[in-house]
Amino acid sequence: MKKADCRVAVIGGGLSGLVIAVGLGKKGYRNVTVLEKDNRLGGKLFTIWYRGKSYELGAIFGLPVQQHLQALLKEFNIKSDGPNLTRVYYDRSGNKIMQIPKKVLSAFLEEVERLPVTLAEYSSLEKAKIEDLEQPLMMPFSQWCDYHRFRVLKRIYQHHFTSYGLGDIEQVPALYVLRILNYDTIMSLLDLPELFTWKTGVSTLIDALSQKIKNIRLGQKVIKIAGSNSQRLTVQTEFEQLEFERVVITAPLEQFSDLYEQDEEMINFLGGIKYQDYYVYAFIVDKLPKGCGVILEHLSNQNKGHIMIWNSRWESSHQDHLLTVYAYRHPDYSRLASLKVIENDLLRLGIANPRLYQLKCWKQSPYVDSVALQRGFYQKMEAMQGKHNVFLAGEIMSTVSMENCLRYANYLLNQYF
């Protein structure tokens, strides 16, 4: 079948889905439909507005070392013109502290010098798709650090990985940590960080991409995908039934496990995907702290539910200001109880009269545990690519970060389309 006549559904209107849909158009596919269950595009790229200024309830910044992101910005002539973002470290009472105490500085420098040599042993990390994993990458990251004697770097990685809502390094395999925070990224964060943002928000990327796509269907939750005798795929939403020759799934894959009802191994693998429950609060406050603060004491699993990061984003001349706050959900707390914990944290930091403006609850940073990796999770996922003309993308395939989503989307397009 000619590309121009091939009907392709892209399920999921986040960054991966939109990049794939635009890429299909570049390759000559003229009948591409994006199906998104929510009434907005962007997924975890989620900008809100308050008093004429943008604020982020999802992804916040990019880095100069992220080549795929830089290429996308250049393609659409998007300027990195937002406010500067610099992390400062605090204790829970709001006192500034050092990220790297002086007493461990020499050990830290020795470990940083060894890091690139150690990472060179893991060639699988350089590939867009996850394959041929070295055994140590299947360990929880904390164990991987112990294995390589990275005692100080373990804490540094935790500061970035855990605070961004990506998970607990005692549980998440090294594979995910080292793909998300690769050498260039972690060194960029350790140096004088050049964390760039966008004046009109990260959703600027989504707006630019969506303008290149003719057929975007919002509020269309896909409830079933099935094959047919005519080699076509039937995609059923809550409102209608559509037919396509190819389907690309960028939404969470476990939502479509019934597609593999004859493959028990695939169903078990999809059922083993784990997520982080991460809350982003936007508060109106009377007293606004400057910049972006990280409370290192709250990064431990024992302090789940407390503020990890706060970000004021803009200076304001108004009497009331907007402050965004980030925290994991405590498994035993209701939303109301969680809110009370956060409000008490803010008062302890000297932030007066916090009033909740908006709240976003994310299930983010999917991963599978060490056992699933050893059983061949990613070998199975790649073996299913193209079977019945269904293709798998999104965060579990790319590992989380805008850069990795873009890299895997480009790989998928070049490999299969």
Protein backbone atom coordinates (compact mmCIF):
# COMPACT_ATOMS: atom_id res chain seq x y z
CA MET A 1 0.00 0.00 0.00
CA LYS A 2 1.21 3.50 -0.84
CA LYS A 3 2.11 5.69 2.12
CA ALA A 4 -0.35 8.34 0.97
CA ASP A 5 -3.21 5.84 1.24
CA CYS A 6 -2.13 4.15 4.50
CA ARG A 7 -4.26 5.17 7.47
CA VAL A 8 -2.25 5.45 10.67
CA ALA A 9 -3.58 6.03 14.19
CA VAL A 10 -1.29 7.54 16.81
CA ILE A 11 -2.75 6.88 20.25
CA GLY A 12 -1.63 9.52 22.73
CA GLY A 13 -1.18 13.26 22.19
CA GLY A 14 1.90 13.80 24.33
CA LEU A 15 5.32 14.80 23.01
CA SER A 16 6.12 11.35 21.57
CA GLY A 17 2.76 11.02 19.82
CA LEU A 18 2.91 14.44 18.21
CA VAL A 19 6.52 14.06 17.06
CA ILE A 20 5.66 10.70 15.51
CA ALA A 21 2.56 12.13 13.80
CA VAL A 22 4.54 15.04 12.35
CA GLY A 23 7.33 12.66 11.32
CA LEU A 24 4.88 10.39 9.51
CA GLY A 25 3.68 13.39 7.52
CA LYS A 26 7.25 14.16 6.51
CA LYS A 27 7.63 10.58 5.28
CA GLY A 28 4.62 10.85 3.02
CA TYR A 29 1.80 9.50 5.17
CA ARG A 30 -1.23 11.68 4.47
CA ASN A 31 -3.86 9.94 6.62
CA VAL A 32 -2.57 10.26 10.19
CA THR A 33 -5.00 10.60 13.09
CA VAL A 34 -3.97 11.46 16.66
CA LEU A 35 -6.37 10.14 19.31
CA GLU A 36 -6.03 11.73 22.75
CA LYS A 37 -8.26 10.79 25.69
CA ASP A 38 -7.93 14.18 27.45
CA ASN A 39 -9.32 17.50 26.25
CA ARG A 40 -5.81 18.91 25.85
CA LEU A 41 -2.60 17.87 24.14
CA GLY A 42 0.85 17.66 25.68
CA GLY A 43 0.70 15.00 28.38
CA LYS A 44 3.35 15.94 30.96
CA LEU A 45 4.15 19.12 29.07
CA PHE A 46 1.50 21.16 30.87
CA THR A 47 1.60 24.96 31.09
CA ILE A 48 -0.94 27.02 33.04
CA TRP A 49 -1.34 30.80 33.23
CA TYR A 50 -1.78 33.19 36.15
CA ARG A 51 -1.89 36.99 35.90
CA GLY A 52 -0.60 36.84 32.33
CA LYS A 53 2.45 34.65 33.07
CA SER A 54 3.12 30.99 32.35
CA TYR A 55 3.76 28.34 34.99
CA GLU A 56 4.58 24.65 34.61
CA LEU A 57 2.71 21.76 36.20
CA GLY A 58 4.80 19.22 34.30
CA ALA A 59 8.16 19.38 32.53
CA ILE A 60 10.03 22.58 33.33
CA PHE A 61 13.32 22.97 31.48
CA GLY A 62 15.72 21.80 28.80
CA LEU A 63 19.51 21.55 28.65
CA PRO A 64 21.97 22.63 25.93
CA VAL A 65 23.38 19.06 25.77
CA GLN A 66 20.00 17.64 24.69
CA GLN A 67 20.64 17.46 20.97
CA HIS A 68 17.25 16.14 19.84
CA LEU A 69 15.43 18.80 21.85
CA GLN A 70 17.74 21.49 20.46
CA ALA A 71 17.03 20.28 16.92
CA LEU A 72 13.27 20.44 17.52
CA LEU A 73 13.53 23.99 18.87
CA LYS A 74 15.59 25.03 15.87
CA GLU A 75 13.18 23.41 13.41
CA PHE A 76 10.25 25.40 14.79
CA ASN A 77 12.25 28.52 15.60
CA ILE A 78 11.35 28.32 19.28
CA LYS A 79 13.46 30.54 21.50
CA SER A 80 14.62 29.61 24.98
CA ASP A 81 13.51 32.95 26.36
CA GLY A 82 12.02 32.05 29.74
CA PRO A 83 13.28 32.94 33.21
CA ASN A 84 16.56 31.50 34.45
CA LEU A 85 16.25 28.41 36.62
CA THR A 86 18.93 27.68 39.19
CA ARG A 87 18.55 25.12 41.98
CA VAL A 88 19.50 26.08 45.53
CA TYR A 89 19.61 23.49 48.32
CA TYR A 90 17.89 23.92 51.69
CA ASP A 91 17.04 22.10 54.88
CA ARG A 92 13.39 21.78 55.88
CA SER A 93 13.53 25.06 57.83
CA GLY A 94 14.62 27.04 54.77
CA ASN A 95 18.33 27.36 55.59
CA LYS A 96 20.71 27.11 52.64
CA ILE A 97 23.03 24.09 52.67
CA MET A 98 25.74 22.68 50.42
CA GLN A 99 24.81 19.94 47.95
CA ILE A 100 28.30 18.45 48.36
CA PRO A 101 29.72 18.84 51.90
CA LYS A 102 33.38 19.87 52.01
CA LYS A 103 34.37 16.71 53.87
CA VAL A 104 33.47 14.52 50.86
CA LEU A 105 34.62 16.89 48.11
CA SER A 106 37.86 15.02 47.35
CA ALA A 107 36.00 11.69 47.15
CA PHE A 108 33.43 13.34 44.87
CA LEU A 109 36.11 14.59 42.46
CA GLU A 110 37.72 11.13 42.33
CA GLU A 111 34.37 9.52 41.51
CA VAL A 112 33.54 12.09 38.83
CA GLU A 113 36.88 11.32 37.18
CA ARG A 114 36.06 7.59 37.15
CA LEU A 115 32.48 8.00 35.95
CA PRO A 116 33.04 8.25 32.16
CA VAL A 117 35.42 5.28 32.23
CA THR A 118 32.83 3.21 34.07
CA LEU A 119 29.97 4.24 31.80
CA ALA A 120 32.04 3.27 28.74
CA GLU A 121 31.58 -0.35 29.89
CA TYR A 122 27.85 -0.07 29.12
CA SER A 123 27.49 0.29 25.37
CA SER A 124 23.75 -0.47 25.55
CA LEU A 125 23.17 2.97 27.09
CA GLU A 126 24.17 4.64 23.83
CA LYS A 127 21.39 3.03 21.78
CA ALA A 128 17.98 4.55 21.16
CA LYS A 129 16.25 1.25 21.82
CA ILE A 130 16.89 -0.85 24.90
CA GLU A 131 18.65 -4.08 24.00
CA ASP A 132 21.68 -6.23 24.92
CA LEU A 133 21.60 -4.97 28.50
CA GLU A 134 24.66 -5.57 30.63
CA GLN A 135 23.73 -7.40 33.83
CA PRO A 136 24.72 -4.65 36.31
CA LEU A 137 22.21 -2.26 34.68
CA MET A 138 19.44 -4.53 35.91
CA MET A 139 20.41 -3.88 39.56
CA PRO A 140 18.63 -1.16 41.53
CA PHE A 141 20.68 1.99 40.98
CA SER A 142 21.77 2.15 44.61
CA GLN A 143 23.32 -1.31 44.29
CA TRP A 144 24.94 -0.34 40.98
CA CYS A 145 26.62 2.60 42.74
CA ASP A 146 27.87 0.30 45.51
CA TYR A 147 29.14 -2.14 42.89
CA HIS A 148 31.24 0.62 41.31
CA ARG A 149 32.12 2.38 44.59
CA PHE A 150 30.24 5.59 43.75
CA ARG A 151 29.28 6.55 47.29
CA VAL A 152 29.10 10.33 46.82
CA LEU A 153 27.73 10.22 43.29
CA LYS A 154 24.92 8.00 44.55
CA ARG A 155 23.69 10.93 46.63
CA ILE A 156 24.17 13.42 43.78
CA TYR A 157 22.17 11.28 41.36
CA GLN A 158 19.46 10.91 43.99
CA HIS A 159 19.26 14.69 44.38
CA HIS A 160 18.31 15.03 40.72
CA PHE A 161 16.54 11.74 39.93
CA THR A 162 14.34 11.56 43.01
CA SER A 163 13.55 15.26 43.25
CA TYR A 164 12.22 15.33 39.68
CA GLY A 165 9.70 12.64 40.60
CA LEU A 166 11.52 9.86 38.74
CA GLY A 167 11.62 7.38 41.60
CA ASP A 168 13.53 5.79 44.46
CA ILE A 169 17.10 4.77 43.57
CA GLU A 170 16.77 1.84 46.00
CA GLN A 171 14.10 0.36 43.71
CA VAL A 172 14.50 1.70 40.16
CA PRO A 173 17.07 -0.25 38.09
CA ALA A 174 20.28 1.51 37.05
CA LEU A 175 19.19 1.24 33.41
CA TYR A 176 16.60 3.99 33.86
CA VAL A 177 18.69 6.34 35.98
CA LEU A 178 21.66 6.19 33.63
CA ARG A 179 19.57 6.66 30.48
CA ILE A 180 17.70 9.65 31.90
CA LEU A 181 20.71 11.19 33.63
CA ASN A 182 23.37 10.19 31.13
CA TYR A 183 26.92 11.48 31.47
CA ASP A 184 26.37 14.73 29.54
CA THR A 185 23.18 15.46 31.44
CA ILE A 186 24.53 14.83 34.94
CA MET A 187 27.68 16.83 34.20
CA SER A 188 25.57 19.67 32.84
CA LEU A 189 23.55 19.67 36.06
CA LEU A 190 26.70 19.53 38.21
CA ASP A 191 28.39 22.36 36.35
CA LEU A 192 26.89 25.85 36.48
CA PRO A 193 23.51 24.57 35.30
CA GLU A 194 22.15 26.11 32.13
CA LEU A 195 18.53 25.12 32.63
CA PHE A 196 16.60 26.93 29.93
CA THR A 197 12.86 27.58 29.92
CA TRP A 198 10.29 29.21 27.65
CA LYS A 199 8.49 32.51 28.27
CA THR A 200 5.19 31.10 27.00
CA GLY A 201 5.82 27.75 28.65
CA VAL A 202 6.94 24.30 27.58
CA SER A 203 3.56 23.88 25.87
CA THR A 204 5.02 26.12 23.14
CA LEU A 205 6.54 22.92 21.73
CA ILE A 206 3.14 21.23 21.69
CA ASP A 207 1.47 24.18 19.98
CA ALA A 208 4.11 24.18 17.23
CA LEU A 209 3.84 20.44 16.61
CA SER A 210 0.04 20.34 16.64
CA GLN A 211 -0.19 22.97 13.91
CA LYS A 212 1.51 20.46 11.57
CA ILE A 213 -1.11 17.74 12.16
CA LYS A 214 -4.40 17.83 10.25
CA ASN A 215 -6.45 15.34 12.23
CA ILE A 216 -6.31 15.56 16.03
CA ARG A 217 -9.19 14.04 17.99
CA LEU A 218 -9.41 15.18 21.61
CA GLY A 219 -11.58 13.49 24.23
CA GLN A 220 -11.31 10.22 22.30
CA LYS A 221 -10.33 7.53 24.80
CA VAL A 222 -9.39 4.32 23.01
CA ILE A 223 -11.01 1.38 24.78
CA LYS A 224 -10.11 -1.44 22.41
CA ILE A 225 -7.83 -2.27 19.49
CA ALA A 226 -8.58 -5.38 17.46
CA GLY A 227 -7.50 -6.97 14.19
CA SER A 228 -9.87 -7.83 11.38
CA ASN A 229 -10.02 -10.28 8.49
CA SER A 230 -9.08 -7.54 6.03
CA GLN A 231 -5.66 -6.99 7.70
CA ARG A 232 -6.95 -3.73 9.07
CA LEU A 233 -7.06 -2.69 12.70
CA THR A 234 -10.28 -1.61 14.37
CA VAL A 235 -9.84 1.12 16.96
CA GLN A 236 -12.84 1.62 19.21
CA THR A 237 -13.27 4.80 21.23
CA GLU A 238 -16.06 5.71 23.61
CA PHE A 239 -17.90 7.31 20.69
CA GLU A 240 -17.06 5.49 17.45
CA GLN A 241 -15.25 2.68 15.68
CA LEU A 242 -12.47 3.51 13.23
CA GLU A 243 -10.30 1.47 10.87
CA PHE A 244 -6.58 1.86 10.25
CA GLU A 245 -3.79 -0.02 8.52
CA ARG A 246 -1.27 0.82 11.25
CA VAL A 247 -1.46 1.88 14.90
CA VAL A 248 1.27 3.50 17.00
CA ILE A 249 0.69 3.41 20.77
CA THR A 250 2.42 6.18 22.72
CA ALA A 251 -0.03 6.10 25.64
CA PRO A 252 0.68 3.79 28.62
CA LEU A 253 0.98 0.34 27.08
CA GLU A 254 -0.71 -1.60 29.89
CA GLN A 255 -4.00 0.07 28.93
CA PHE A 256 -4.01 -2.11 25.80
CA SER A 257 -3.08 -5.49 27.25
CA ASP A 258 -6.24 -7.05 25.75
CA LEU A 259 -4.58 -6.60 22.36
CA TYR A 260 -2.35 -9.52 23.38
CA GLU A 261 -5.02 -11.74 24.94
CA GLN A 262 -3.39 -14.86 23.43
CA ASP A 263 0.07 -13.94 24.76
CA GLU A 264 0.19 -14.51 28.52
CA GLU A 265 3.84 -13.48 28.79
CA MET A 266 3.13 -10.11 27.15
CA ILE A 267 0.15 -9.50 29.44
CA ASN A 268 2.23 -10.32 32.52
CA PHE A 269 5.01 -8.01 31.39
CA LEU A 270 2.59 -5.12 30.78
CA GLY A 271 0.99 -5.72 34.17
CA GLY A 272 4.41 -5.34 35.81
CA ILE A 273 4.98 -1.74 34.69
CA LYS A 274 5.34 0.51 37.74
CA TYR A 275 4.81 4.26 38.09
CA GLN A 276 5.55 7.13 40.47
CA ASP A 277 2.63 9.02 42.01
CA TYR A 278 3.83 12.61 41.82
CA TYR A 279 1.89 15.73 42.81
CA VAL A 280 2.45 19.24 41.49
CA TYR A 281 0.71 21.98 43.47
CA ALA A 282 0.27 25.61 42.44
CA PHE A 283 -0.26 27.87 45.47
CA ILE A 284 -1.13 31.53 45.72
CA VAL A 285 1.08 32.91 48.49
CA ASP A 286 1.67 36.29 50.11
CA LYS A 287 5.43 35.89 50.52
CA LEU A 288 7.33 34.43 47.59
CA PRO A 289 10.77 32.84 47.94
CA LYS A 290 13.15 33.51 45.06
CA GLY A 291 14.15 30.91 42.51
CA CYS A 292 14.04 27.14 42.79
CA GLY A 293 14.73 25.34 46.06
CA VAL A 294 15.36 21.66 46.80
CA ILE A 295 14.86 20.29 50.32
CA LEU A 296 17.42 17.50 50.53
CA GLU A 297 16.03 16.01 53.75
CA HIS A 298 12.76 15.22 51.97
CA LEU A 299 14.28 13.08 49.21
CA SER A 300 14.29 9.92 51.33
CA ASN A 301 11.48 7.39 51.08
CA GLN A 302 10.72 8.00 54.77
CA ASN A 303 9.76 11.62 53.99
CA LYS A 304 7.47 10.83 51.07
CA GLY A 305 4.63 13.33 50.93
CA HIS A 306 6.72 16.35 51.94
CA ILE A 307 7.87 19.14 49.63
CA MET A 308 10.91 18.23 47.57
CA ILE A 309 11.08 21.22 45.22
CA TRP A 310 9.50 24.64 45.15
CA ASN A 311 9.77 27.02 42.21
CA SER A 312 8.71 30.67 42.08
CA ARG A 313 9.54 31.02 38.32
CA TRP A 314 8.76 34.75 38.01
CA GLU A 315 9.31 37.78 40.21
CA SER A 316 6.04 39.61 40.71
CA SER A 317 4.97 43.08 41.82
CA HIS A 318 1.52 41.84 42.84
CA GLN A 319 0.59 41.32 46.47
CA ASP A 320 -0.16 37.68 45.78
CA HIS A 321 2.18 35.34 43.91
CA LEU A 322 2.08 31.86 42.40
CA LEU A 323 4.41 29.17 43.72
CA THR A 324 4.68 25.64 42.32
CA VAL A 325 5.52 22.81 44.69
CA TYR A 326 6.47 19.19 43.93
CA ALA A 327 6.04 16.10 46.14
CA TYR A 328 5.48 12.36 45.92
CA ARG A 329 2.11 11.06 47.09
CA HIS A 330 2.28 9.36 50.46
CA PRO A 331 0.56 5.96 49.99
CA ASP A 332 -1.41 6.27 53.26
CA TYR A 333 -2.60 9.88 52.87
CA SER A 334 -5.75 11.18 51.24
CA ARG A 335 -5.46 14.19 48.96
CA LEU A 336 -6.69 16.40 51.80
CA ALA A 337 -4.16 14.96 54.26
CA SER A 338 -1.41 15.36 51.64
CA LEU A 339 -2.38 19.00 51.16
CA LYS A 340 -2.14 19.65 54.91
CA VAL A 341 1.40 18.24 54.99
CA ILE A 342 2.44 20.52 52.14
CA GLU A 343 0.83 23.58 53.72
CA ASN A 344 2.67 22.92 56.99
CA ASP A 345 5.95 22.56 55.07
CA LEU A 346 5.34 25.92 53.40
CA LEU A 347 4.64 27.62 56.73
CA ARG A 348 7.86 26.15 58.16
CA LEU A 349 9.71 27.68 55.22
CA GLY A 350 8.26 31.08 56.10
CA ILE A 351 5.82 31.21 53.19
CA ALA A 352 2.73 33.02 54.41
CA ASN A 353 -0.93 32.22 53.76
CA PRO A 354 -0.67 29.49 51.06
CA ARG A 355 -3.94 28.94 49.11
CA LEU A 356 -4.22 26.06 46.67
CA TYR A 357 -4.77 27.29 43.10
CA GLN A 358 -4.35 24.12 41.04
CA LEU A 359 -3.21 20.54 41.59
CA LYS A 360 -2.02 17.98 39.05
CA CYS A 361 -1.53 14.34 39.99
CA TRP A 362 0.81 12.45 37.65
CA LYS A 363 1.47 8.78 37.21
CA GLN A 364 4.90 9.14 35.73
CA SER A 365 8.31 7.64 35.09
CA PRO A 366 7.28 4.06 34.22
CA TYR A 367 9.77 1.25 34.78
CA VAL A 368 9.96 -2.48 35.31
CA ASP A 369 11.91 -4.05 38.13
CA SER A 370 15.11 -6.08 38.02
CA VAL A 371 13.28 -9.40 37.75
CA ALA A 372 11.32 -8.29 34.66
CA LEU A 373 14.51 -7.00 33.03
CA GLN A 374 16.23 -10.34 33.65
CA ARG A 375 13.25 -12.16 32.17
CA GLY A 376 13.62 -10.19 28.94
CA PHE A 377 11.03 -7.42 29.13
CA TYR A 378 12.60 -5.27 26.43
CA GLN A 379 13.42 -8.19 24.15
CA LYS A 380 9.72 -9.01 24.27
CA MET A 381 8.65 -5.43 23.59
CA GLU A 382 10.93 -5.12 20.56
CA ALA A 383 9.79 -8.51 19.26
CA MET A 384 6.22 -7.20 19.29
CA GLN A 385 7.06 -4.14 17.18
CA GLY A 386 5.03 -4.28 13.99
CA LYS A 387 3.19 -7.48 14.90
CA HIS A 388 -0.35 -7.11 13.56
CA ASN A 389 0.84 -3.66 12.37
CA VAL A 390 0.93 -2.28 15.92
CA PHE A 391 3.98 -0.29 17.05
CA LEU A 392 4.95 0.56 20.63
CA ALA A 393 6.43 3.89 21.73
CA GLY A 394 6.15 6.26 24.67
CA GLU A 395 7.91 6.50 27.99
CA ILE A 396 8.41 2.83 28.90
CA MET A 397 10.17 2.30 25.56
CA SER A 398 12.26 5.48 25.53
CA THR A 399 12.70 6.11 29.29
CA VAL A 400 11.53 9.45 30.60
CA SER A 401 12.82 12.86 29.50
CA MET A 402 11.92 15.01 26.54
CA GLU A 403 15.27 14.17 24.97
CA ASN A 404 14.78 10.40 25.21
CA CYS A 405 11.20 10.57 23.95
CA LEU A 406 12.38 12.50 20.89
CA ARG A 407 15.28 10.13 20.27
CA TYR A 408 13.09 7.03 20.43
CA ALA A 409 10.35 8.60 18.28
CA ASN A 410 12.93 9.30 15.56
CA TYR A 411 14.29 5.75 15.87
CA LEU A 412 10.79 4.28 15.49
CA LEU A 413 10.03 6.38 12.42
CA ASN A 414 13.31 5.49 10.70
CA GLN A 415 13.18 1.81 11.61
CA TYR A 416 9.58 0.96 10.73
CA PHE A 417 8.14 3.70 8.52
